[in-house]
């Protein structure tokens, strides 16, 4: 059974300059409490081997009132995670977010 944890959502919806770099200060992460986190792994075939992808399934119940988009990042368990695909409803009760590891907490 998953334990309820806290996460932070990094919403980087800043405008970009002509080179595609964000303009202005990075917004402060938004904390969301009481989410369920379940580890996940997957393997993909690559040239000459298999790549293992480390990730998390995150369930937020009830779904948050603010949108979480695929270009946002999640800070959970001391690390930064990218969102894979579009977050969606799970059994119409929780927002389901699939992530993969990006790096250590900033």
N, C-alpha and C. Protein backbone atom coordinates (compact mmCIF):
# COMPACT_ATOMS: atom_id res chain seq x y z
N UNK A 1 0.84 -1.18 0.00
CA UNK A 1 0.00 0.00 0.00
C UNK A 1 0.88 1.24 0.00
N UNK A 2 0.53 2.22 -0.80
CA UNK A 2 1.30 3.45 -0.90
C UNK A 2 1.05 4.35 0.30
N UNK A 3 2.11 4.96 0.78
CA UNK A 3 2.03 5.91 1.88
C UNK A 3 1.78 7.29 1.30
N UNK A 4 1.00 8.11 1.99
CA UNK A 4 0.75 9.48 1.52
C UNK A 4 1.98 10.34 1.76
N UNK A 5 2.35 11.10 0.74
CA UNK A 5 3.55 11.93 0.78
C UNK A 5 3.25 13.32 0.24
N UNK A 6 4.22 14.22 0.39
CA UNK A 6 4.12 15.56 -0.18
C UNK A 6 4.99 15.64 -1.43
N UNK A 7 4.52 16.39 -2.41
CA UNK A 7 5.31 16.67 -3.61
C UNK A 7 5.27 18.17 -3.86
N UNK A 8 6.13 18.63 -4.75
CA UNK A 8 6.07 20.01 -5.22
C UNK A 8 6.00 19.98 -6.74
N UNK A 9 5.19 20.87 -7.30
CA UNK A 9 5.05 20.97 -8.75
C UNK A 9 5.78 22.23 -9.20
N UNK A 10 6.69 22.06 -10.15
CA UNK A 10 7.41 23.20 -10.72
C UNK A 10 6.71 23.52 -12.04
N UNK A 11 6.00 24.64 -12.04
CA UNK A 11 5.26 25.07 -13.22
C UNK A 11 6.09 26.13 -13.94
N UNK A 12 6.73 25.77 -14.99
CA UNK A 12 7.54 26.74 -15.72
C UNK A 12 6.80 27.14 -16.98
N UNK A 13 5.83 28.03 -16.81
CA UNK A 13 5.02 28.50 -17.93
C UNK A 13 5.47 29.88 -18.39
N UNK A 14 6.76 30.21 -18.12
CA UNK A 14 7.27 31.53 -18.50
C UNK A 14 7.36 31.67 -20.02
N UNK A 15 7.24 32.91 -20.51
CA UNK A 15 7.47 33.11 -21.94
C UNK A 15 8.92 32.83 -22.28
N UNK A 16 9.20 32.56 -23.55
CA UNK A 16 10.56 32.27 -23.97
C UNK A 16 11.08 33.35 -24.92
N UNK A 17 12.39 33.45 -24.99
CA UNK A 17 13.01 34.41 -25.91
C UNK A 17 13.15 33.77 -27.29
N UNK A 18 13.84 34.45 -28.18
CA UNK A 18 13.98 33.98 -29.56
C UNK A 18 14.74 32.68 -29.68
N UNK A 19 15.49 32.31 -28.62
CA UNK A 19 16.26 31.06 -28.64
C UNK A 19 15.55 29.92 -27.91
N UNK A 20 14.35 30.20 -27.39
CA UNK A 20 13.58 29.19 -26.67
C UNK A 20 13.90 29.09 -25.20
N UNK A 21 14.73 30.02 -24.68
CA UNK A 21 15.07 30.02 -23.26
C UNK A 21 14.03 30.80 -22.46
N UNK A 22 13.65 30.32 -21.27
CA UNK A 22 12.66 31.02 -20.45
C UNK A 22 13.16 32.41 -20.05
N UNK A 23 12.22 33.36 -20.00
CA UNK A 23 12.52 34.74 -19.62
C UNK A 23 11.94 35.01 -18.23
N UNK A 24 12.76 35.58 -17.35
CA UNK A 24 12.30 35.92 -16.01
C UNK A 24 12.65 34.85 -15.00
N UNK A 25 12.37 35.16 -13.73
CA UNK A 25 12.72 34.21 -12.66
C UNK A 25 11.83 32.96 -12.70
N UNK A 26 12.42 31.84 -12.28
CA UNK A 26 11.67 30.58 -12.21
C UNK A 26 10.64 30.69 -11.09
N UNK A 27 9.40 30.31 -11.34
CA UNK A 27 8.37 30.39 -10.30
C UNK A 27 8.65 29.42 -9.15
N UNK A 28 8.17 29.77 -7.97
CA UNK A 28 8.34 28.90 -6.80
C UNK A 28 7.50 27.63 -6.98
N UNK A 29 8.04 26.48 -6.56
CA UNK A 29 7.27 25.24 -6.65
C UNK A 29 6.01 25.30 -5.77
N UNK A 30 4.96 24.64 -6.21
CA UNK A 30 3.71 24.58 -5.45
C UNK A 30 3.62 23.23 -4.76
N UNK A 31 3.44 23.25 -3.44
CA UNK A 31 3.38 22.02 -2.65
C UNK A 31 1.98 21.42 -2.70
N UNK A 32 1.93 20.10 -2.86
CA UNK A 32 0.68 19.35 -2.80
C UNK A 32 0.90 18.23 -1.78
N UNK A 33 0.05 18.17 -0.78
CA UNK A 33 0.19 17.20 0.31
C UNK A 33 -0.74 16.01 0.12
N UNK A 34 -0.34 14.89 0.70
CA UNK A 34 -1.20 13.71 0.78
C UNK A 34 -1.36 12.94 -0.51
N UNK A 35 -0.33 12.92 -1.36
CA UNK A 35 -0.43 12.14 -2.60
C UNK A 35 0.10 10.73 -2.37
N UNK A 36 -0.31 9.81 -3.21
CA UNK A 36 0.20 8.44 -3.16
C UNK A 36 1.23 8.28 -4.27
N UNK A 37 2.37 7.70 -3.92
CA UNK A 37 3.45 7.50 -4.88
C UNK A 37 3.81 6.02 -4.94
N UNK A 38 3.86 5.49 -6.15
CA UNK A 38 4.21 4.09 -6.36
C UNK A 38 5.38 4.04 -7.35
N UNK A 39 6.51 3.42 -6.97
CA UNK A 39 7.64 3.33 -7.91
C UNK A 39 7.28 2.50 -9.13
N UNK A 40 7.94 2.79 -10.23
CA UNK A 40 7.73 2.02 -11.46
C UNK A 40 9.04 1.93 -12.22
N UNK A 41 9.18 0.91 -13.01
CA UNK A 41 10.31 0.78 -13.93
C UNK A 41 9.77 0.27 -15.25
N UNK A 42 10.50 0.56 -16.29
CA UNK A 42 10.18 -0.01 -17.59
C UNK A 42 11.48 -0.21 -18.34
N UNK A 43 11.47 -1.08 -19.28
CA UNK A 43 12.67 -1.34 -20.07
C UNK A 43 12.35 -1.12 -21.54
N UNK A 44 13.28 -0.48 -22.23
CA UNK A 44 13.11 -0.24 -23.66
C UNK A 44 14.33 -0.79 -24.38
N UNK A 45 14.09 -1.42 -25.53
CA UNK A 45 15.20 -1.91 -26.35
C UNK A 45 15.88 -0.74 -27.02
N UNK A 46 17.19 -0.76 -26.98
CA UNK A 46 18.00 0.25 -27.66
C UNK A 46 19.03 -0.48 -28.51
N UNK A 47 19.75 0.25 -29.29
CA UNK A 47 20.79 -0.36 -30.12
C UNK A 47 21.79 -1.10 -29.24
N UNK A 48 21.78 -2.41 -29.31
CA UNK A 48 22.75 -3.21 -28.59
C UNK A 48 22.45 -3.45 -27.13
N UNK A 49 21.27 -3.09 -26.64
CA UNK A 49 21.00 -3.35 -25.23
C UNK A 49 19.63 -2.88 -24.80
N UNK A 50 19.42 -2.95 -23.50
CA UNK A 50 18.14 -2.55 -22.91
C UNK A 50 18.39 -1.37 -21.98
N UNK A 51 17.54 -0.36 -22.08
CA UNK A 51 17.61 0.81 -21.20
C UNK A 51 16.51 0.68 -20.17
N UNK A 52 16.86 0.80 -18.90
CA UNK A 52 15.86 0.74 -17.82
C UNK A 52 15.53 2.18 -17.43
N UNK A 53 14.24 2.48 -17.42
CA UNK A 53 13.76 3.81 -17.05
C UNK A 53 13.18 3.74 -15.65
N UNK A 54 13.66 4.62 -14.80
CA UNK A 54 13.21 4.72 -13.42
C UNK A 54 12.12 5.78 -13.34
N UNK A 55 11.04 5.51 -12.66
CA UNK A 55 9.97 6.50 -12.58
C UNK A 55 9.05 6.28 -11.41
N UNK A 56 8.06 7.15 -11.33
CA UNK A 56 7.04 7.08 -10.29
C UNK A 56 5.66 7.19 -10.93
N UNK A 57 4.70 6.50 -10.34
CA UNK A 57 3.28 6.75 -10.60
C UNK A 57 2.80 7.57 -9.42
N UNK A 58 2.25 8.74 -9.69
CA UNK A 58 1.77 9.64 -8.64
C UNK A 58 0.27 9.77 -8.78
N UNK A 59 -0.44 9.56 -7.67
CA UNK A 59 -1.90 9.67 -7.66
C UNK A 59 -2.30 10.77 -6.68
N UNK A 60 -3.03 11.77 -7.19
CA UNK A 60 -3.49 12.89 -6.36
C UNK A 60 -5.00 12.78 -6.25
N UNK A 61 -5.47 12.56 -5.01
CA UNK A 61 -6.91 12.40 -4.78
C UNK A 61 -7.33 13.30 -3.65
N UNK A 62 -8.33 14.15 -3.85
CA UNK A 62 -9.01 14.40 -5.12
C UNK A 62 -8.08 15.14 -6.07
N UNK A 63 -8.40 15.15 -7.38
CA UNK A 63 -7.55 15.87 -8.32
C UNK A 63 -7.39 17.33 -7.91
N UNK A 64 -6.21 17.92 -8.12
CA UNK A 64 -5.99 19.31 -7.71
C UNK A 64 -6.84 20.26 -8.53
N UNK A 65 -7.07 21.45 -7.97
CA UNK A 65 -7.89 22.45 -8.66
C UNK A 65 -7.12 23.17 -9.75
N UNK A 66 -5.80 23.04 -9.73
CA UNK A 66 -4.97 23.68 -10.76
C UNK A 66 -4.46 22.60 -11.72
N UNK A 67 -4.28 22.98 -12.96
CA UNK A 67 -3.85 22.03 -13.97
C UNK A 67 -2.38 21.66 -13.78
N UNK A 68 -2.08 20.39 -13.95
CA UNK A 68 -0.70 19.91 -13.99
C UNK A 68 -0.50 19.41 -15.41
N UNK A 69 0.48 20.02 -16.10
CA UNK A 69 0.69 19.75 -17.51
C UNK A 69 1.96 18.94 -17.74
N UNK A 70 2.09 18.41 -18.94
CA UNK A 70 3.24 17.57 -19.26
C UNK A 70 4.56 18.34 -19.27
N UNK A 71 4.52 19.67 -19.38
CA UNK A 71 5.77 20.44 -19.36
C UNK A 71 6.18 20.86 -17.94
N UNK A 72 5.40 20.50 -16.95
CA UNK A 72 5.75 20.78 -15.56
C UNK A 72 6.68 19.68 -15.05
N UNK A 73 7.33 19.94 -13.92
CA UNK A 73 8.19 18.93 -13.29
C UNK A 73 7.71 18.71 -11.86
N UNK A 74 8.04 17.56 -11.31
CA UNK A 74 7.63 17.18 -9.96
C UNK A 74 8.88 16.99 -9.11
N UNK A 75 8.86 17.52 -7.89
CA UNK A 75 9.90 17.22 -6.90
C UNK A 75 9.27 16.26 -5.91
N UNK A 76 9.82 15.03 -5.85
CA UNK A 76 9.31 14.01 -4.93
C UNK A 76 10.48 13.16 -4.46
N UNK A 77 10.45 12.82 -3.19
CA UNK A 77 11.49 11.96 -2.61
C UNK A 77 12.90 12.50 -2.85
N UNK A 78 13.02 13.83 -2.85
CA UNK A 78 14.33 14.46 -2.96
C UNK A 78 14.90 14.52 -4.36
N UNK A 79 14.09 14.22 -5.38
CA UNK A 79 14.58 14.24 -6.75
C UNK A 79 13.58 14.93 -7.66
N UNK A 80 14.09 15.36 -8.82
CA UNK A 80 13.24 15.99 -9.82
C UNK A 80 12.81 14.94 -10.84
N UNK A 81 11.52 14.98 -11.19
CA UNK A 81 10.94 14.00 -12.12
C UNK A 81 10.24 14.74 -13.25
N UNK A 82 10.44 14.29 -14.49
CA UNK A 82 9.70 14.80 -15.64
C UNK A 82 8.38 14.06 -15.75
N UNK A 83 7.37 14.75 -16.23
CA UNK A 83 6.07 14.12 -16.47
C UNK A 83 6.09 13.52 -17.87
N UNK A 84 5.73 12.25 -17.96
CA UNK A 84 5.64 11.56 -19.25
C UNK A 84 4.19 11.55 -19.70
N UNK A 85 3.94 12.07 -20.88
CA UNK A 85 2.58 12.09 -21.40
C UNK A 85 1.72 13.12 -20.69
N UNK A 86 0.43 13.00 -20.86
CA UNK A 86 -0.53 13.94 -20.26
C UNK A 86 -1.14 13.31 -19.02
N UNK A 87 -1.06 14.01 -17.87
CA UNK A 87 -1.73 13.48 -16.67
C UNK A 87 -3.23 13.28 -16.94
N UNK A 88 -3.79 12.22 -16.37
CA UNK A 88 -5.20 11.94 -16.61
C UNK A 88 -5.89 11.37 -15.38
N UNK A 89 -7.20 11.25 -15.46
CA UNK A 89 -7.97 10.72 -14.34
C UNK A 89 -7.83 9.20 -14.25
N UNK A 90 -7.69 8.71 -13.03
CA UNK A 90 -7.61 7.28 -12.75
C UNK A 90 -8.88 6.89 -12.03
N UNK A 91 -9.67 6.04 -12.64
CA UNK A 91 -10.95 5.59 -12.09
C UNK A 91 -11.85 6.76 -11.71
N UNK A 92 -11.65 7.89 -12.39
CA UNK A 92 -12.43 9.11 -12.17
C UNK A 92 -12.39 9.60 -10.72
N UNK A 93 -11.34 9.20 -9.99
CA UNK A 93 -11.22 9.60 -8.58
C UNK A 93 -9.92 10.33 -8.28
N UNK A 94 -8.88 10.08 -9.06
CA UNK A 94 -7.57 10.65 -8.76
C UNK A 94 -6.88 11.07 -10.05
N UNK A 95 -6.03 12.08 -9.95
CA UNK A 95 -5.20 12.46 -11.08
C UNK A 95 -3.99 11.54 -11.08
N UNK A 96 -3.70 10.91 -12.21
CA UNK A 96 -2.59 9.96 -12.35
C UNK A 96 -1.50 10.63 -13.16
N UNK A 97 -0.32 10.73 -12.58
CA UNK A 97 0.83 11.33 -13.23
C UNK A 97 1.93 10.28 -13.33
N UNK A 98 2.45 10.05 -14.53
CA UNK A 98 3.53 9.11 -14.75
C UNK A 98 4.80 9.94 -14.95
N UNK A 99 5.87 9.60 -14.22
CA UNK A 99 7.09 10.39 -14.29
C UNK A 99 8.31 9.54 -14.59
N UNK A 100 9.40 10.22 -14.95
CA UNK A 100 10.70 9.57 -15.07
C UNK A 100 11.74 10.48 -14.44
N UNK A 101 12.81 9.88 -13.94
CA UNK A 101 13.82 10.61 -13.18
C UNK A 101 14.61 11.57 -14.07
N UNK A 102 14.83 12.79 -13.53
CA UNK A 102 15.61 13.79 -14.24
C UNK A 102 16.90 14.05 -13.49
N UNK A 103 16.81 14.28 -12.18
CA UNK A 103 18.03 14.58 -11.42
C UNK A 103 17.74 14.84 -9.97
N UNK A 104 18.79 15.19 -9.22
CA UNK A 104 18.63 15.46 -7.78
C UNK A 104 17.86 16.75 -7.55
N UNK A 105 17.34 16.89 -6.35
CA UNK A 105 16.58 18.09 -5.98
C UNK A 105 17.50 19.30 -6.09
N UNK A 106 16.98 20.39 -6.64
CA UNK A 106 17.82 21.58 -6.80
C UNK A 106 18.21 22.20 -5.47
